[in-house]
Amino acid sequence: MKKLALILFTVSLNLGLFSCSPQAISEDTNAPQACCGEDGHIPPPPPIGG
């Protein structure tokens, strides 16, 4: 039973420490992004298999 409690505590601690925070998400949106055809022509992907 102690092992299960230790595992659950470790998992919850890792989730708390390494989860995304709202600050980290909002900091990544500073780069300009293309929208609504502003990027111009998008070339088709290369053929598959040769």
C-alpha atoms as a PDB file:
ATOM      1  CA  MET A   1       0.000   0.000   0.000  1.00  0.00           C
ATOM      2  CA  LYS A   2       2.908   2.347   0.691  1.00  0.00           C
ATOM      3  CA  LYS A   3       4.285   1.704  -2.796  1.00  0.00           C
ATOM      4  CA  LEU A   4       0.978   2.672  -4.393  1.00  0.00           C
ATOM      5  CA  ALA A   5       0.824   5.887  -2.377  1.00  0.00           C
ATOM      6  CA  LEU A   6       4.428   6.703  -3.279  1.00  0.00           C
ATOM      7  CA  ILE A   7       3.776   6.064  -6.977  1.00  0.00           C
ATOM      8  CA  LEU A   8       0.650   8.246  -6.961  1.00  0.00           C
ATOM      9  CA  PHE A   9       2.504  11.015  -5.132  1.00  0.00           C
ATOM     10  CA  THR A  10       5.413  10.857  -7.596  1.00  0.00           C
ATOM     11  CA  VAL A  11       3.111  10.951 -10.615  1.00  0.00           C
ATOM     12  CA  SER A  12       1.116  13.894  -9.265  1.00  0.00           C
ATOM     13  CA  LEU A  13       4.319  15.766  -8.397  1.00  0.00           C
ATOM     14  CA  ASN A  14       5.683  15.251 -11.915  1.00  0.00           C
ATOM     15  CA  LEU A  15       2.408  16.396 -13.457  1.00  0.00           C
ATOM     16  CA  GLY A  16       2.439  19.505 -11.305  1.00  0.00           C
ATOM     17  CA  LEU A  17       6.037  20.392 -12.070  1.00  0.00           C
ATOM     18  CA  PHE A  18       6.137  19.661 -15.801  1.00  0.00           C
ATOM     19  CA  SER A  19       2.644  20.566 -16.983  1.00  0.00           C
ATOM     20  CA  CYS A  20       2.037  23.563 -19.229  1.00  0.00           C
ATOM     21  CA  SER A  21       1.327  26.805 -17.495  1.00  0.00           C
ATOM     22  CA  PRO A  22      -0.828  29.596 -18.962  1.00  0.00           C
ATOM     23  CA  GLN A  23       2.218  31.875 -18.963  1.00  0.00           C
ATOM     24  CA  ALA A  24       4.204  29.450 -21.124  1.00  0.00           C
ATOM     25  CA  ILE A  25       1.345  29.162 -23.605  1.00  0.00           C
ATOM     26  CA  SER A  26       0.808  32.921 -23.861  1.00  0.00           C
ATOM     27  CA  GLU A  27       4.529  33.622 -24.359  1.00  0.00           C
ATOM     28  CA  ASP A  28       4.633  31.499 -27.528  1.00  0.00           C
ATOM     29  CA  THR A  29       1.969  33.562 -29.308  1.00  0.00           C
ATOM     30  CA  ASN A  30       4.207  36.615 -29.846  1.00  0.00           C
ATOM     31  CA  ALA A  31       5.445  35.382 -33.238  1.00  0.00           C
ATOM     32  CA  PRO A  32       3.394  36.634 -36.207  1.00  0.00           C
ATOM     33  CA  GLN A  33       1.322  33.934 -37.854  1.00  0.00           C
ATOM     34  CA  ALA A  34      -0.059  33.773 -41.381  1.00  0.00           C
ATOM     35  CA  CYS A  35      -3.810  33.887 -41.653  1.00  0.00           C
ATOM     36  CA  CYS A  36      -6.444  34.023 -44.299  1.00  0.00           C
ATOM     37  CA  GLY A  37      -4.233  33.787 -47.387  1.00  0.00           C
ATOM     38  CA  GLU A  38      -1.546  36.220 -46.242  1.00  0.00           C
ATOM     39  CA  ASP A  39       1.185  33.628 -46.764  1.00  0.00           C
ATOM     40  CA  GLY A  40       0.705  33.408 -50.540  1.00  0.00           C
ATOM     41  CA  HIS A  41       0.804  30.199 -52.572  1.00  0.00           C
ATOM     42  CA  ILE A  42       1.403  26.949 -50.693  1.00  0.00           C
ATOM     43  CA  PRO A  43       3.229  24.405 -52.883  1.00  0.00           C
ATOM     44  CA  PRO A  44       1.866  20.844 -53.050  1.00  0.00           C
ATOM     45  CA  PRO A  45       3.687  18.123 -51.096  1.00  0.00           C
ATOM     46  CA  PRO A  46       6.333  16.069 -52.913  1.00  0.00           C
ATOM     47  CA  PRO A  47       5.246  12.739 -54.423  1.00  0.00           C
ATOM     48  CA  ILE A  48       5.418   9.713 -52.170  1.00  0.00           C
ATOM     49  CA  GLY A  49       7.659   6.795 -53.016  1.00  0.00           C
ATOM     50  CA  GLY A  50       9.933   8.073 -55.628  1.00  0.00           C
END
